Amino acid sequence: MGLSDGHREAIEPVLAGHRLGALVECADGTLEAVGAPEAATSLLEELVMRRLAAPTAGGTFALTLA
């Protein structure tokens, strides 16, 4: 399951056009931004602040909840 490349290609410009962003959890557990970069960055900062996401050793971010 997950977000296919085709769906991502359709969703990303709509989000960006409305200055919205989303975070997608990848199969390896890391988070990837979709849409407007500023909005996705804001979401990520909020998750880190609430301790719902944390940096990984590889320099990416992952959710902390199981």
N, C-alpha and C. Protein backbone atom coordinates (compact mmCIF):
# COMPACT_ATOMS: atom_id res chain seq x y z
N MET A 1 0.84 -1.16 0.00
CA MET A 1 0.00 0.00 0.00
C MET A 1 0.89 1.23 0.00
N GLY A 2 0.32 2.38 0.03
CA GLY A 2 1.11 3.60 0.07
C GLY A 2 0.71 4.54 -1.03
N LEU A 3 1.54 5.52 -1.25
CA LEU A 3 1.30 6.53 -2.27
C LEU A 3 2.09 6.16 -3.51
N SER A 4 1.38 5.83 -4.58
CA SER A 4 2.07 5.47 -5.82
C SER A 4 2.64 6.71 -6.49
N ASP A 5 3.59 6.51 -7.38
CA ASP A 5 4.19 7.64 -8.10
C ASP A 5 3.13 8.41 -8.88
N GLY A 6 2.17 7.70 -9.47
CA GLY A 6 1.12 8.36 -10.23
C GLY A 6 0.25 9.25 -9.36
N HIS A 7 -0.10 8.75 -8.18
CA HIS A 7 -0.90 9.56 -7.26
C HIS A 7 -0.10 10.75 -6.76
N ARG A 8 1.16 10.51 -6.46
CA ARG A 8 2.01 11.60 -5.97
C ARG A 8 2.12 12.71 -7.03
N GLU A 9 2.32 12.32 -8.29
CA GLU A 9 2.43 13.30 -9.37
C GLU A 9 1.14 14.11 -9.52
N ALA A 10 0.01 13.50 -9.22
CA ALA A 10 -1.28 14.20 -9.31
C ALA A 10 -1.51 15.10 -8.09
N ILE A 11 -1.12 14.64 -6.92
CA ILE A 11 -1.40 15.35 -5.67
C ILE A 11 -0.45 16.51 -5.44
N GLU A 12 0.83 16.32 -5.73
CA GLU A 12 1.84 17.32 -5.39
C GLU A 12 1.57 18.71 -5.97
N PRO A 13 1.24 18.85 -7.26
CA PRO A 13 0.99 20.21 -7.77
C PRO A 13 -0.26 20.86 -7.18
N VAL A 14 -1.25 20.06 -6.81
CA VAL A 14 -2.45 20.61 -6.19
C VAL A 14 -2.11 21.17 -4.81
N LEU A 15 -1.38 20.39 -4.02
CA LEU A 15 -0.96 20.87 -2.71
C LEU A 15 -0.11 22.13 -2.84
N ALA A 16 0.88 22.08 -3.71
CA ALA A 16 1.79 23.22 -3.89
C ALA A 16 1.03 24.45 -4.38
N GLY A 17 0.08 24.25 -5.28
CA GLY A 17 -0.70 25.36 -5.81
C GLY A 17 -1.53 26.07 -4.75
N HIS A 18 -1.91 25.33 -3.72
CA HIS A 18 -2.68 25.91 -2.61
C HIS A 18 -1.80 26.22 -1.40
N ARG A 19 -0.50 26.12 -1.61
CA ARG A 19 0.50 26.35 -0.55
C ARG A 19 0.29 25.43 0.64
N LEU A 20 -0.07 24.19 0.34
CA LEU A 20 -0.26 23.17 1.37
C LEU A 20 0.83 22.13 1.25
N GLY A 21 1.08 21.44 2.32
CA GLY A 21 2.08 20.39 2.31
C GLY A 21 1.60 19.20 3.11
N ALA A 22 2.24 18.09 2.88
CA ALA A 22 1.93 16.87 3.62
C ALA A 22 3.23 16.10 3.81
N LEU A 23 3.22 15.22 4.78
CA LEU A 23 4.35 14.34 5.00
C LEU A 23 3.88 12.92 4.76
N VAL A 24 4.66 12.17 4.00
CA VAL A 24 4.33 10.79 3.66
C VAL A 24 5.34 9.89 4.35
N GLU A 25 4.85 8.87 5.03
CA GLU A 25 5.75 7.91 5.65
C GLU A 25 6.14 6.86 4.61
N CYS A 26 7.43 6.76 4.33
CA CYS A 26 7.95 5.81 3.35
C CYS A 26 8.03 4.41 3.96
N ALA A 27 8.26 3.42 3.12
CA ALA A 27 8.33 2.03 3.58
C ALA A 27 9.41 1.82 4.64
N ASP A 28 10.49 2.61 4.57
CA ASP A 28 11.58 2.46 5.56
C ASP A 28 11.32 3.24 6.84
N GLY A 29 10.15 3.89 6.93
CA GLY A 29 9.78 4.63 8.13
C GLY A 29 10.15 6.09 8.13
N THR A 30 10.90 6.54 7.14
CA THR A 30 11.27 7.96 7.07
C THR A 30 10.12 8.77 6.50
N LEU A 31 10.16 10.06 6.75
CA LEU A 31 9.12 10.97 6.27
C LEU A 31 9.62 11.74 5.06
N GLU A 32 8.75 11.88 4.08
CA GLU A 32 9.08 12.60 2.86
C GLU A 32 8.03 13.69 2.63
N ALA A 33 8.50 14.88 2.27
CA ALA A 33 7.61 16.03 2.06
C ALA A 33 6.95 15.96 0.69
N VAL A 34 5.68 16.37 0.65
CA VAL A 34 4.92 16.47 -0.59
C VAL A 34 4.23 17.83 -0.58
N GLY A 35 4.25 18.51 -1.71
CA GLY A 35 3.57 19.80 -1.82
C GLY A 35 4.50 20.97 -1.61
N ALA A 36 3.98 22.05 -1.05
CA ALA A 36 4.76 23.27 -0.83
C ALA A 36 5.82 23.01 0.24
N PRO A 37 7.09 23.25 -0.07
CA PRO A 37 8.16 22.97 0.89
C PRO A 37 7.99 23.69 2.23
N GLU A 38 7.54 24.96 2.19
CA GLU A 38 7.40 25.72 3.43
C GLU A 38 6.35 25.09 4.34
N ALA A 39 5.26 24.64 3.76
CA ALA A 39 4.18 24.03 4.54
C ALA A 39 4.63 22.69 5.12
N ALA A 40 5.33 21.90 4.31
CA ALA A 40 5.80 20.60 4.79
C ALA A 40 6.84 20.78 5.89
N THR A 41 7.70 21.78 5.75
CA THR A 41 8.70 22.06 6.79
C THR A 41 8.01 22.45 8.09
N SER A 42 6.98 23.25 7.99
CA SER A 42 6.22 23.65 9.17
C SER A 42 5.58 22.44 9.85
N LEU A 43 5.03 21.53 9.06
CA LEU A 43 4.45 20.31 9.62
C LEU A 43 5.50 19.48 10.34
N LEU A 44 6.66 19.34 9.71
CA LEU A 44 7.73 18.55 10.31
C LEU A 44 8.21 19.18 11.61
N GLU A 45 8.37 20.50 11.62
CA GLU A 45 8.77 21.19 12.85
C GLU A 45 7.76 20.97 13.97
N GLU A 46 6.48 20.98 13.62
CA GLU A 46 5.42 20.75 14.61
C GLU A 46 5.50 19.33 15.17
N LEU A 47 5.74 18.34 14.30
CA LEU A 47 5.85 16.96 14.76
C LEU A 47 7.05 16.78 15.68
N VAL A 48 8.17 17.41 15.34
CA VAL A 48 9.37 17.31 16.18
C VAL A 48 9.13 18.00 17.52
N MET A 49 8.51 19.17 17.49
CA MET A 49 8.22 19.91 18.72
C MET A 49 7.33 19.09 19.66
N ARG A 50 6.38 18.37 19.08
CA ARG A 50 5.47 17.55 19.88
C ARG A 50 6.05 16.16 20.17
N ARG A 51 7.28 15.95 19.74
CA ARG A 51 8.00 14.68 19.93
C ARG A 51 7.30 13.51 19.26
N LEU A 52 6.64 13.79 18.15
CA LEU A 52 6.00 12.74 17.36
C LEU A 52 6.89 12.27 16.22
N ALA A 53 7.96 13.03 15.96
CA ALA A 53 8.96 12.67 14.95
C ALA A 53 10.32 13.07 15.48
N ALA A 54 11.35 12.39 14.99
CA ALA A 54 12.71 12.68 15.44
C ALA A 54 13.68 12.44 14.29
N PRO A 55 14.83 13.12 14.33
CA PRO A 55 15.84 12.89 13.29
C PRO A 55 16.38 11.46 13.38
N THR A 56 16.74 10.92 12.23
CA THR A 56 17.36 9.59 12.18
C THR A 56 18.86 9.77 11.98
N ALA A 57 19.60 8.69 12.12
CA ALA A 57 21.05 8.73 11.92
C ALA A 57 21.41 9.13 10.50
N GLY A 58 20.53 8.85 9.54
CA GLY A 58 20.80 9.16 8.14
C GLY A 58 20.48 10.59 7.75
N GLY A 59 20.05 11.41 8.72
CA GLY A 59 19.76 12.80 8.41
C GLY A 59 18.33 13.06 7.96
N THR A 60 17.49 12.03 7.98
CA THR A 60 16.08 12.21 7.64
C THR A 60 15.28 12.24 8.95
N PHE A 61 13.98 12.18 8.84
CA PHE A 61 13.12 12.17 10.03
C PHE A 61 12.19 10.97 9.96
N ALA A 62 11.79 10.48 11.13
CA ALA A 62 10.86 9.35 11.21
C ALA A 62 9.90 9.59 12.36
N LEU A 63 8.71 9.00 12.25
CA LEU A 63 7.74 9.09 13.34
C LEU A 63 8.26 8.33 14.55
N THR A 64 7.91 8.79 15.74
CA THR A 64 8.36 8.12 16.95
C THR A 64 7.31 7.20 17.52
N LEU A 65 6.07 7.30 17.05
CA LEU A 65 4.99 6.44 17.54
C LEU A 65 5.00 5.11 16.82
N ALA A 66 4.68 4.05 17.53
CA ALA A 66 4.63 2.72 16.91
C ALA A 66 3.27 2.48 16.30
